[in-house]
Amino acid sequence: MVRPREFDEDKALKEAMNLFWEKGYEATSLSDLTSRMGIQRPSIYSAFGDKKALFEASLRKYTRSHASYVRANLQKSSSVKEAFRSFFENIIVEKYEESFNFGCFCINTMVELAPHDEKFEVLTREHQMYLSAIFQETIERGIRSGELESDTNAKALAQTLVVSLIGLSVMIKSRPERSFIDNSIAVTLSLLK
């Protein structure tokens, strides 16, 4: 008979995700993980597998949560232009108000692991494509309502906005002058005609 787990697996995974998000894959040791997750190595291996499998589970947890967050935020306003403006402005406000800015976990993974690990190249690309699909759905809603021009290439515009989002997330980590970011976002949002 299999013994039930003596810890909350979802809570432990969330702690692992936060630690990987803060430190990255390479800089996070198994000792760091056992301390943060509050479980021992055998329990980590039994529940999640090795460090790489735990990192993958953490990344998948993050991307599901992030995609839900993005979708919910873009659905808050009936105006597509307002939805995107609010979405981008909230990212800026959140990142400039945080005392520690770890950036986007998926983008950090894209930079740290994707160039050297095909699995993480695929996982991060999948998230980019999923965000692009969410953006495209929102743009198409704006085209249907007449808020955006009928000849708008929704797919290309969505992909451009994803590239802007990724660039923004990376740049904000270095805390550039706020006006630099504000000007870039204003020009990006002007593409929503």
N, C-alpha and C. Protein backbone atom coordinates (compact mmCIF):
# COMPACT_ATOMS: atom_id res chain seq x y z
N MET A 1 0.83 -1.18 0.00
CA MET A 1 0.00 0.00 0.00
C MET A 1 0.89 1.25 0.00
N VAL A 2 0.53 2.21 -0.83
CA VAL A 2 1.31 3.44 -0.95
C VAL A 2 0.94 4.39 0.19
N ARG A 3 1.97 4.89 0.85
CA ARG A 3 1.73 5.85 1.94
C ARG A 3 1.34 7.20 1.37
N PRO A 4 0.37 7.87 1.99
CA PRO A 4 0.02 9.22 1.51
C PRO A 4 1.17 10.19 1.80
N ARG A 5 1.28 11.20 0.98
CA ARG A 5 2.34 12.20 1.17
C ARG A 5 2.10 12.94 2.49
N GLU A 6 3.19 13.23 3.16
CA GLU A 6 3.10 13.92 4.44
C GLU A 6 3.33 15.42 4.29
N PHE A 7 3.18 15.91 3.07
CA PHE A 7 3.35 17.33 2.82
C PHE A 7 2.40 17.74 1.71
N ASP A 8 2.13 19.02 1.63
CA ASP A 8 1.26 19.58 0.59
C ASP A 8 2.09 19.73 -0.68
N GLU A 9 1.85 18.87 -1.65
CA GLU A 9 2.65 18.85 -2.87
C GLU A 9 2.55 20.17 -3.64
N ASP A 10 1.36 20.73 -3.71
CA ASP A 10 1.18 21.98 -4.45
C ASP A 10 1.93 23.12 -3.77
N LYS A 11 1.87 23.17 -2.44
CA LYS A 11 2.59 24.20 -1.70
C LYS A 11 4.10 24.04 -1.87
N ALA A 12 4.58 22.81 -1.81
CA ALA A 12 6.01 22.55 -1.99
C ALA A 12 6.45 22.96 -3.39
N LEU A 13 5.62 22.66 -4.39
CA LEU A 13 5.96 23.03 -5.76
C LEU A 13 5.98 24.55 -5.92
N LYS A 14 5.05 25.22 -5.28
CA LYS A 14 5.03 26.69 -5.33
C LYS A 14 6.31 27.26 -4.72
N GLU A 15 6.76 26.69 -3.61
CA GLU A 15 8.00 27.16 -2.99
C GLU A 15 9.20 26.91 -3.90
N ALA A 16 9.23 25.75 -4.55
CA ALA A 16 10.31 25.45 -5.50
C ALA A 16 10.27 26.44 -6.65
N MET A 17 9.08 26.70 -7.19
CA MET A 17 8.94 27.64 -8.29
C MET A 17 9.48 29.02 -7.89
N ASN A 18 9.09 29.49 -6.71
CA ASN A 18 9.55 30.81 -6.28
C ASN A 18 11.07 30.85 -6.12
N LEU A 19 11.65 29.78 -5.60
CA LEU A 19 13.10 29.74 -5.44
C LEU A 19 13.81 29.72 -6.79
N PHE A 20 13.35 28.87 -7.70
CA PHE A 20 13.95 28.84 -9.05
C PHE A 20 13.78 30.20 -9.73
N TRP A 21 12.65 30.84 -9.51
CA TRP A 21 12.37 32.14 -10.10
C TRP A 21 13.37 33.17 -9.57
N GLU A 22 13.64 33.13 -8.28
CA GLU A 22 14.58 34.08 -7.66
C GLU A 22 16.02 33.84 -8.09
N LYS A 23 16.44 32.57 -8.08
CA LYS A 23 17.86 32.25 -8.24
C LYS A 23 18.24 31.70 -9.62
N GLY A 24 17.27 31.15 -10.35
CA GLY A 24 17.59 30.47 -11.60
C GLY A 24 17.88 29.00 -11.34
N TYR A 25 17.97 28.24 -12.40
CA TYR A 25 18.17 26.80 -12.29
C TYR A 25 19.55 26.46 -11.74
N GLU A 26 20.58 26.97 -12.36
CA GLU A 26 21.95 26.61 -11.99
C GLU A 26 22.30 27.02 -10.57
N ALA A 27 21.88 28.18 -10.14
CA ALA A 27 22.27 28.70 -8.82
C ALA A 27 21.46 28.09 -7.68
N THR A 28 20.43 27.33 -8.00
CA THR A 28 19.60 26.71 -6.96
C THR A 28 20.12 25.31 -6.66
N SER A 29 20.51 25.09 -5.42
CA SER A 29 21.02 23.78 -5.02
C SER A 29 19.90 22.93 -4.43
N LEU A 30 20.14 21.64 -4.33
CA LEU A 30 19.17 20.76 -3.69
C LEU A 30 18.99 21.14 -2.22
N SER A 31 20.06 21.60 -1.58
CA SER A 31 19.94 22.05 -0.19
C SER A 31 19.02 23.26 -0.10
N ASP A 32 19.16 24.19 -1.07
CA ASP A 32 18.26 25.34 -1.11
C ASP A 32 16.80 24.87 -1.23
N LEU A 33 16.60 23.88 -2.10
CA LEU A 33 15.25 23.39 -2.35
C LEU A 33 14.66 22.70 -1.12
N THR A 34 15.44 21.84 -0.47
CA THR A 34 14.90 21.15 0.71
C THR A 34 14.56 22.15 1.81
N SER A 35 15.40 23.16 1.96
CA SER A 35 15.14 24.18 2.97
C SER A 35 13.88 24.97 2.66
N ARG A 36 13.73 25.44 1.42
CA ARG A 36 12.59 26.26 1.04
C ARG A 36 11.30 25.45 1.00
N MET A 37 11.38 24.23 0.48
CA MET A 37 10.18 23.41 0.33
C MET A 37 9.76 22.75 1.65
N GLY A 38 10.68 22.67 2.59
CA GLY A 38 10.37 22.06 3.87
C GLY A 38 10.25 20.55 3.82
N ILE A 39 10.90 19.93 2.83
CA ILE A 39 10.90 18.46 2.71
C ILE A 39 12.32 17.98 2.43
N GLN A 40 12.54 16.70 2.62
CA GLN A 40 13.86 16.13 2.41
C GLN A 40 14.03 15.64 0.96
N ARG A 41 15.28 15.39 0.60
CA ARG A 41 15.59 14.95 -0.78
C ARG A 41 14.79 13.75 -1.23
N PRO A 42 14.68 12.68 -0.41
CA PRO A 42 13.90 11.53 -0.88
C PRO A 42 12.45 11.89 -1.25
N SER A 43 11.88 12.82 -0.49
CA SER A 43 10.50 13.25 -0.79
C SER A 43 10.44 14.04 -2.09
N ILE A 44 11.47 14.86 -2.33
CA ILE A 44 11.53 15.61 -3.60
C ILE A 44 11.61 14.62 -4.76
N TYR A 45 12.54 13.66 -4.66
CA TYR A 45 12.71 12.69 -5.74
C TYR A 45 11.45 11.86 -5.95
N SER A 46 10.80 11.46 -4.86
CA SER A 46 9.60 10.64 -4.95
C SER A 46 8.44 11.41 -5.59
N ALA A 47 8.29 12.67 -5.21
CA ALA A 47 7.14 13.46 -5.69
C ALA A 47 7.38 14.09 -7.06
N PHE A 48 8.61 14.53 -7.31
CA PHE A 48 8.86 15.35 -8.50
C PHE A 48 9.94 14.81 -9.43
N GLY A 49 10.78 13.91 -8.96
CA GLY A 49 11.90 13.44 -9.76
C GLY A 49 13.15 14.23 -9.42
N ASP A 50 14.06 14.32 -10.34
CA ASP A 50 15.32 15.03 -10.08
C ASP A 50 15.12 16.55 -10.18
N LYS A 51 16.20 17.28 -9.98
CA LYS A 51 16.14 18.75 -9.98
C LYS A 51 15.57 19.29 -11.29
N LYS A 52 15.98 18.71 -12.40
CA LYS A 52 15.50 19.19 -13.70
C LYS A 52 13.99 18.95 -13.84
N ALA A 53 13.53 17.79 -13.39
CA ALA A 53 12.09 17.50 -13.46
C ALA A 53 11.31 18.44 -12.55
N LEU A 54 11.86 18.75 -11.39
CA LEU A 54 11.22 19.70 -10.47
C LEU A 54 11.18 21.09 -11.10
N PHE A 55 12.26 21.47 -11.77
CA PHE A 55 12.27 22.77 -12.44
C PHE A 55 11.21 22.80 -13.54
N GLU A 56 11.12 21.72 -14.31
CA GLU A 56 10.10 21.66 -15.37
C GLU A 56 8.70 21.78 -14.79
N ALA A 57 8.43 21.07 -13.69
CA ALA A 57 7.11 21.15 -13.05
C ALA A 57 6.85 22.57 -12.55
N SER A 58 7.89 23.22 -12.03
CA SER A 58 7.77 24.61 -11.56
C SER A 58 7.45 25.54 -12.72
N LEU A 59 8.16 25.36 -13.82
CA LEU A 59 7.93 26.21 -15.00
C LEU A 59 6.52 26.00 -15.54
N ARG A 60 6.07 24.77 -15.60
CA ARG A 60 4.71 24.50 -16.08
C ARG A 60 3.67 25.13 -15.16
N LYS A 61 3.90 25.07 -13.87
CA LYS A 61 2.98 25.71 -12.90
C LYS A 61 2.94 27.21 -13.17
N TYR A 62 4.11 27.81 -13.36
CA TYR A 62 4.19 29.25 -13.61
C TYR A 62 3.47 29.61 -14.91
N THR A 63 3.74 28.90 -15.99
CA THR A 63 3.17 29.29 -17.28
C THR A 63 1.65 29.16 -17.27
N ARG A 64 1.12 28.14 -16.59
CA ARG A 64 -0.36 28.02 -16.48
C ARG A 64 -0.92 29.23 -15.73
N SER A 65 -0.29 29.56 -14.62
CA SER A 65 -0.75 30.68 -13.81
C SER A 65 -0.61 32.00 -14.57
N HIS A 66 0.51 32.17 -15.23
CA HIS A 66 0.76 33.42 -15.96
C HIS A 66 -0.23 33.59 -17.10
N ALA A 67 -0.48 32.52 -17.86
CA ALA A 67 -1.44 32.60 -18.96
C ALA A 67 -2.84 32.97 -18.45
N SER A 68 -3.24 32.38 -17.33
CA SER A 68 -4.55 32.71 -16.74
C SER A 68 -4.60 34.17 -16.31
N TYR A 69 -3.51 34.65 -15.73
CA TYR A 69 -3.41 36.04 -15.30
C TYR A 69 -3.53 36.99 -16.51
N VAL A 70 -2.81 36.68 -17.58
CA VAL A 70 -2.85 37.53 -18.78
C VAL A 70 -4.26 37.56 -19.36
N ARG A 71 -4.86 36.38 -19.52
CA ARG A 71 -6.21 36.30 -20.09
C ARG A 71 -7.20 37.10 -19.24
N ALA A 72 -7.15 36.91 -17.94
CA ALA A 72 -8.09 37.61 -17.04
C ALA A 72 -7.91 39.11 -17.14
N ASN A 73 -6.68 39.58 -17.21
CA ASN A 73 -6.43 41.01 -17.28
C ASN A 73 -6.89 41.62 -18.59
N LEU A 74 -6.76 40.88 -19.67
CA LEU A 74 -7.19 41.41 -20.97
C LEU A 74 -8.71 41.36 -21.13
N GLN A 75 -9.39 40.63 -20.28
CA GLN A 75 -10.85 40.55 -20.35
C GLN A 75 -11.54 41.53 -19.41
N LYS A 76 -10.77 42.28 -18.64
CA LYS A 76 -11.36 43.20 -17.66
C LYS A 76 -12.08 44.38 -18.30
N SER A 77 -11.64 44.78 -19.47
CA SER A 77 -12.22 45.96 -20.12
C SER A 77 -12.90 45.56 -21.42
N SER A 78 -14.01 46.20 -21.72
CA SER A 78 -14.67 45.93 -23.00
C SER A 78 -13.89 46.56 -24.15
N SER A 79 -13.09 47.58 -23.85
CA SER A 79 -12.25 48.21 -24.86
C SER A 79 -10.93 47.45 -24.97
N VAL A 80 -10.63 46.99 -26.16
CA VAL A 80 -9.39 46.25 -26.39
C VAL A 80 -8.18 47.16 -26.19
N LYS A 81 -8.26 48.38 -26.69
CA LYS A 81 -7.14 49.31 -26.52
C LYS A 81 -6.90 49.58 -25.04
N GLU A 82 -7.97 49.78 -24.30
CA GLU A 82 -7.85 50.02 -22.86
C GLU A 82 -7.31 48.78 -22.15
N ALA A 83 -7.75 47.60 -22.58
CA ALA A 83 -7.28 46.35 -21.96
C ALA A 83 -5.77 46.21 -22.11
N PHE A 84 -5.26 46.44 -23.32
CA PHE A 84 -3.81 46.33 -23.54
C PHE A 84 -3.06 47.45 -22.82
N ARG A 85 -3.61 48.66 -22.84
CA ARG A 85 -2.94 49.77 -22.13
C ARG A 85 -2.82 49.45 -20.65
N SER A 86 -3.91 49.01 -20.07
CA SER A 86 -3.92 48.68 -18.65
C SER A 86 -2.98 47.51 -18.36
N PHE A 87 -2.99 46.51 -19.21
CA PHE A 87 -2.13 45.34 -19.03
C PHE A 87 -0.65 45.75 -18.99
N PHE A 88 -0.21 46.51 -19.98
CA PHE A 88 1.19 46.92 -20.03
C PHE A 88 1.54 47.89 -18.89
N GLU A 89 0.65 48.81 -18.60
CA GLU A 89 0.92 49.75 -17.50
C GLU A 89 1.00 49.04 -16.16
N ASN A 90 0.15 48.03 -15.94
CA ASN A 90 0.21 47.28 -14.69
C ASN A 90 1.54 46.55 -14.54
N ILE A 91 2.06 46.03 -15.63
CA ILE A 91 3.37 45.36 -15.58
C ILE A 91 4.44 46.36 -15.14
N ILE A 92 4.40 47.53 -15.72
CA ILE A 92 5.40 48.55 -15.39
C ILE A 92 5.29 48.95 -13.91
N VAL A 93 4.08 49.22 -13.47
CA VAL A 93 3.87 49.64 -12.08
C VAL A 93 4.33 48.54 -11.12
N GLU A 94 3.90 47.30 -11.38
CA GLU A 94 4.30 46.18 -10.52
C GLU A 94 5.81 46.05 -10.44
N LYS A 95 6.48 46.10 -11.56
CA LYS A 95 7.92 45.88 -11.57
C LYS A 95 8.70 47.03 -10.95
N TYR A 96 8.22 48.26 -11.12
CA TYR A 96 8.92 49.39 -10.52
C TYR A 96 8.64 49.52 -9.03
N GLU A 97 7.52 48.95 -8.57
CA GLU A 97 7.20 49.04 -7.15
C GLU A 97 7.82 47.91 -6.34
N GLU A 98 8.18 46.81 -6.99
CA GLU A 98 8.78 45.68 -6.28
C GLU A 98 10.20 46.03 -5.87
N SER A 99 10.56 45.66 -4.63
CA SER A 99 11.94 45.92 -4.20
C SER A 99 12.89 44.94 -4.85
N PHE A 100 12.43 43.73 -5.14
CA PHE A 100 13.24 42.75 -5.86
C PHE A 100 12.48 42.36 -7.11
N ASN A 101 13.08 42.58 -8.25
CA ASN A 101 12.42 42.28 -9.51
C ASN A 101 13.11 41.08 -10.15
N PHE A 102 12.45 39.94 -10.08
CA PHE A 102 13.03 38.72 -10.64
C PHE A 102 12.65 38.53 -12.10
N GLY A 103 11.84 39.45 -12.64
CA GLY A 103 11.42 39.33 -14.03
C GLY A 103 10.38 38.25 -14.20
N CYS A 104 10.25 37.77 -15.40
CA CYS A 104 9.31 36.71 -15.74
C CYS A 104 10.06 35.38 -15.67
N PHE A 105 9.53 34.42 -14.92
CA PHE A 105 10.18 33.13 -14.75
C PHE A 105 10.40 32.45 -16.10
N CYS A 106 9.42 32.52 -16.98
CA CYS A 106 9.54 31.88 -18.29
C CYS A 106 10.63 32.55 -19.13
N ILE A 107 10.67 33.87 -19.10
CA ILE A 107 11.70 34.59 -19.87
C ILE A 107 13.08 34.32 -19.27
N ASN A 108 13.17 34.27 -17.96
CA ASN A 108 14.46 33.92 -17.33
C ASN A 108 14.92 32.55 -17.81
N THR A 109 13.99 31.61 -17.91
CA THR A 109 14.31 30.26 -18.40
C THR A 109 14.72 30.31 -19.86
N MET A 110 14.04 31.14 -20.63
CA MET A 110 14.37 31.29 -22.05
C MET A 110 15.82 31.74 -22.21
N VAL A 111 16.26 32.62 -21.33
CA VAL A 111 17.62 33.16 -21.41
C VAL A 111 18.63 32.16 -20.83
N GLU A 112 18.30 31.56 -19.68
CA GLU A 112 19.27 30.69 -19.00
C GLU A 112 19.39 29.30 -19.63
N LEU A 113 18.27 28.65 -19.94
CA LEU A 113 18.31 27.24 -20.34
C LEU A 113 17.97 26.95 -21.80
N ALA A 114 17.04 27.72 -22.38
CA ALA A 114 16.57 27.40 -23.72
C ALA A 114 17.68 27.31 -24.77
N PRO A 115 18.72 28.16 -24.71
CA PRO A 115 19.76 28.03 -25.74
C PRO A 115 20.55 26.72 -25.66
N HIS A 116 20.47 26.02 -24.51
CA HIS A 116 21.30 24.83 -24.30
C HIS A 116 20.49 23.56 -24.04
N ASP A 117 19.17 23.70 -23.95
CA ASP A 117 18.34 22.56 -23.60
C ASP A 117 17.07 22.58 -24.44
N GLU A 118 16.94 21.60 -25.31
CA GLU A 118 15.82 21.58 -26.25
C GLU A 118 14.46 21.54 -25.55
N LYS A 119 14.37 20.82 -24.44
CA LYS A 119 13.09 20.73 -23.73
C LYS A 119 12.62 22.12 -23.29
N PHE A 120 13.54 22.90 -22.74
CA PHE A 120 13.16 24.22 -22.25
C PHE A 120 13.02 25.22 -23.40
N GLU A 121 13.69 24.98 -24.49
CA GLU A 121 13.45 25.78 -25.70
C GLU A 121 12.00 25.60 -26.14
N VAL A 122 11.54 24.36 -26.16
CA VAL A 122 10.17 24.06 -26.58
C VAL A 122 9.16 24.62 -25.57
N LEU A 123 9.39 24.40 -24.28
CA LEU A 123 8.44 24.86 -23.26
C LEU A 123 8.29 26.38 -23.26
N THR A 124 9.40 27.09 -23.39
CA THR A 124 9.30 28.55 -23.39
C THR A 124 8.66 29.05 -24.70
N ARG A 125 8.96 28.38 -25.81
CA ARG A 125 8.33 28.77 -27.08
C ARG A 125 6.83 28.51 -27.03
N GLU A 126 6.42 27.40 -26.41
CA GLU A 126 4.99 27.11 -26.28
C GLU A 126 4.28 28.22 -25.51
N HIS A 127 4.93 28.70 -24.46
CA HIS A 127 4.30 29.78 -23.68
C HIS A 127 4.20 31.06 -24.51
N GLN A 128 5.22 31.36 -25.27
CA GLN A 128 5.17 32.53 -26.14
C GLN A 128 4.01 32.41 -27.13
N MET A 129 3.84 31.22 -27.70
CA MET A 129 2.77 31.01 -28.67
C MET A 129 1.40 31.08 -27.99
N TYR A 130 1.31 30.60 -26.76
CA TYR A 130 0.05 30.67 -26.04
C TYR A 130 -0.31 32.12 -25.72
N LEU A 131 0.68 32.90 -25.28
CA LEU A 131 0.43 34.32 -25.05
C LEU A 131 0.01 35.01 -26.34
N SER A 132 0.67 34.65 -27.43
CA SER A 132 0.31 35.23 -28.72
C SER A 132 -1.14 34.90 -29.08
N ALA A 133 -1.57 33.69 -28.79
CA ALA A 133 -2.96 33.30 -29.07
C ALA A 133 -3.93 34.11 -28.22
N ILE A 134 -3.59 34.33 -26.96
CA ILE A 134 -4.45 35.15 -26.08
C ILE A 134 -4.53 36.58 -26.61
N PHE A 135 -3.39 37.13 -26.99
CA PHE A 135 -3.36 38.48 -27.55
C PHE A 135 -4.16 38.53 -28.85
N GLN A 136 -4.01 37.52 -29.70
CA GLN A 136 -4.72 37.50 -30.98
C GLN A 136 -6.23 37.45 -30.75
N GLU A 137 -6.68 36.63 -29.81
CA GLU A 137 -8.12 36.57 -29.50
C GLU A 137 -8.64 37.94 -29.08
N THR A 138 -7.85 38.64 -28.29
CA THR A 138 -8.25 39.96 -27.81
C THR A 138 -8.31 40.95 -28.97
N ILE A 139 -7.32 40.91 -29.84
CA ILE A 139 -7.29 41.80 -31.00
C ILE A 139 -8.47 41.51 -31.92
N GLU A 140 -8.74 40.23 -32.14
CA GLU A 140 -9.88 39.86 -33.00
C GLU A 140 -11.21 40.34 -32.40
N ARG A 141 -11.29 40.36 -31.08
CA ARG A 141 -12.49 40.92 -30.42
C ARG A 141 -12.62 42.39 -30.76
N GLY A 142 -11.50 43.10 -30.78
CA GLY A 142 -11.51 44.52 -31.13
C GLY A 142 -11.87 44.76 -32.59
N ILE A 143 -11.44 43.86 -33.46
CA ILE A 143 -11.80 43.98 -34.88
C ILE A 143 -13.31 43.75 -35.05
N ARG A 144 -13.82 42.72 -34.40
CA ARG A 144 -15.27 42.41 -34.49
C ARG A 144 -16.13 43.55 -33.97
N SER A 145 -15.67 44.21 -32.90
CA SER A 145 -16.46 45.29 -32.31
C SER A 145 -16.34 46.59 -33.09
N GLY A 146 -15.36 46.65 -34.01
CA GLY A 146 -15.14 47.87 -34.78
C GLY A 146 -14.17 48.83 -34.11
N GLU A 147 -13.65 48.47 -32.95
CA GLU A 147 -12.70 49.33 -32.26
C GLU A 147 -11.35 49.37 -33.00
N LEU A 148 -10.98 48.25 -33.60
CA LEU A 148 -9.74 48.18 -34.38
C LEU A 148 -10.09 48.05 -35.86
N GLU A 149 -9.19 48.53 -36.69
CA GLU A 149 -9.42 48.51 -38.14
C GLU A 149 -9.63 47.08 -38.64
N SER A 150 -10.53 46.94 -39.60
CA SER A 150 -10.90 45.61 -40.10
C SER A 150 -9.76 44.91 -40.83
N ASP A 151 -8.80 45.67 -41.34
CA ASP A 151 -7.69 45.05 -42.06
C ASP A 151 -6.47 44.77 -41.16
N THR A 152 -6.66 44.87 -39.85
CA THR A 152 -5.58 44.59 -38.90
C THR A 152 -5.18 43.12 -39.01
N ASN A 153 -3.89 42.88 -39.12
CA ASN A 153 -3.36 41.52 -39.13
C ASN A 153 -3.22 41.10 -37.66
N ALA A 154 -4.26 40.45 -37.14
CA ALA A 154 -4.33 40.12 -35.72
C ALA A 154 -3.16 39.24 -35.27
N LYS A 155 -2.80 38.27 -36.08
CA LYS A 155 -1.72 37.36 -35.71
C LYS A 155 -0.39 38.09 -35.62
N ALA A 156 -0.06 38.88 -36.63
CA ALA A 156 1.22 39.60 -36.64
C ALA A 156 1.28 40.63 -35.51
N LEU A 157 0.17 41.32 -35.28
CA LEU A 157 0.13 42.30 -34.20
C LEU A 157 0.28 41.63 -32.84
N ALA A 158 -0.38 40.49 -32.67
CA ALA A 158 -0.26 39.74 -31.41
C ALA A 158 1.19 39.32 -31.18
N GLN A 159 1.84 38.82 -32.20
CA GLN A 159 3.24 38.39 -32.07
C GLN A 159 4.14 39.58 -31.74
N THR A 160 3.86 40.72 -32.34
CA THR A 160 4.64 41.93 -32.05
C THR A 160 4.47 42.34 -30.59
N LEU A 161 3.25 42.26 -30.09
CA LEU A 161 2.99 42.61 -28.70
C LEU A 161 3.69 41.64 -27.73
N VAL A 162 3.77 40.36 -28.11
CA VAL A 162 4.50 39.39 -27.28
C VAL A 162 5.98 39.74 -27.24
N VAL A 163 6.54 40.07 -28.40
CA VAL A 163 7.95 40.47 -28.44
C VAL A 163 8.17 41.71 -27.57
N SER A 164 7.24 42.65 -27.63
CA SER A 164 7.33 43.85 -26.79
C SER A 164 7.26 43.50 -25.31
N LEU A 165 6.36 42.60 -24.97
CA LEU A 165 6.22 42.16 -23.58
C LEU A 165 7.51 41.51 -23.08
N ILE A 166 8.09 40.66 -23.89
CA ILE A 166 9.34 39.99 -23.49
C ILE A 166 10.47 41.02 -23.34
N GLY A 167 10.58 41.90 -24.30
CA GLY A 167 11.61 42.94 -24.21
C GLY A 167 11.42 43.82 -22.99
N LEU A 168 10.18 44.19 -22.71
CA LEU A 168 9.86 45.00 -21.54
C LEU A 168 10.27 44.28 -20.26
N SER A 169 9.90 43.00 -20.17
CA SER A 169 10.21 42.23 -18.96
C SER A 169 11.71 42.12 -18.72
N VAL A 170 12.48 41.98 -19.78
CA VAL A 170 13.93 41.89 -19.64
C VAL A 170 14.52 43.25 -19.28
N MET A 171 14.09 44.29 -19.97
CA MET A 171 14.65 45.63 -19.73
C MET A 171 14.36 46.14 -18.33
N ILE A 172 13.17 45.89 -17.83
CA ILE A 172 12.79 46.42 -16.52
C ILE A 172 13.68 45.86 -15.42
N LYS A 173 14.26 44.69 -15.64
CA LYS A 173 15.16 44.12 -14.62
C LYS A 173 16.34 45.05 -14.33
N SER A 174 16.73 45.86 -15.32
CA SER A 174 17.86 46.79 -15.11
C SER A 174 17.39 48.18 -14.67
N ARG A 175 16.09 48.33 -14.46
CA ARG A 175 15.48 49.58 -13.99
C ARG A 175 15.93 50.81 -14.80
N PRO A 176 15.61 50.81 -16.09
CA PRO A 176 15.94 52.00 -16.89
C PRO A 176 15.06 53.17 -16.46
N GLU A 177 15.38 54.35 -16.96
CA GLU A 177 14.54 55.52 -16.68
C GLU A 177 13.10 55.18 -17.06
N ARG A 178 12.18 55.55 -16.21
CA ARG A 178 10.77 55.23 -16.43
C ARG A 178 10.28 55.81 -17.76
N SER A 179 10.75 56.99 -18.13
CA SER A 179 10.31 57.62 -19.38
C SER A 179 10.70 56.77 -20.60
N PHE A 180 11.83 56.08 -20.52
CA PHE A 180 12.28 55.20 -21.61
C PHE A 180 11.23 54.11 -21.85
N ILE A 181 10.80 53.49 -20.76
CA ILE A 181 9.80 52.43 -20.85
C ILE A 181 8.44 52.99 -21.26
N ASP A 182 8.03 54.10 -20.65
CA ASP A 182 6.73 54.71 -20.98
C ASP A 182 6.64 55.07 -22.46
N ASN A 183 7.71 55.65 -23.00
CA ASN A 183 7.72 56.03 -24.42
C ASN A 183 7.62 54.79 -25.31
N SER A 184 8.34 53.74 -24.95
CA SER A 184 8.31 52.51 -25.75
C SER A 184 6.92 51.88 -25.75
N ILE A 185 6.28 51.86 -24.57
CA ILE A 185 4.94 51.28 -24.48
C ILE A 185 3.94 52.12 -25.26
N ALA A 186 4.07 53.44 -25.21
CA ALA A 186 3.15 54.32 -25.96
C ALA A 186 3.23 54.02 -27.45
N VAL A 187 4.45 53.85 -27.96
CA VAL A 187 4.61 53.54 -29.39
C VAL A 187 4.07 52.15 -29.70
N THR A 188 4.34 51.20 -28.85
CA THR A 188 3.82 49.85 -29.05
C THR A 188 2.30 49.85 -29.11
N LEU A 189 1.67 50.54 -28.16
CA LEU A 189 0.21 50.57 -28.12
C LEU A 189 -0.39 51.35 -29.29
N SER A 190 0.40 52.23 -29.89
CA SER A 190 -0.11 52.98 -31.06
C SER A 190 -0.32 52.05 -32.25
N LEU A 191 0.21 50.84 -32.19
CA LEU A 191 -0.02 49.86 -33.27
C LEU A 191 -1.47 49.35 -33.27
N LEU A 192 -2.17 49.56 -32.15
CA LEU A 192 -3.58 49.15 -32.06
C LEU A 192 -4.44 50.23 -32.67
N LYS A 193 -4.65 50.18 -33.98
CA LYS A 193 -5.38 51.23 -34.70
C LYS A 193 -6.82 50.82 -34.94
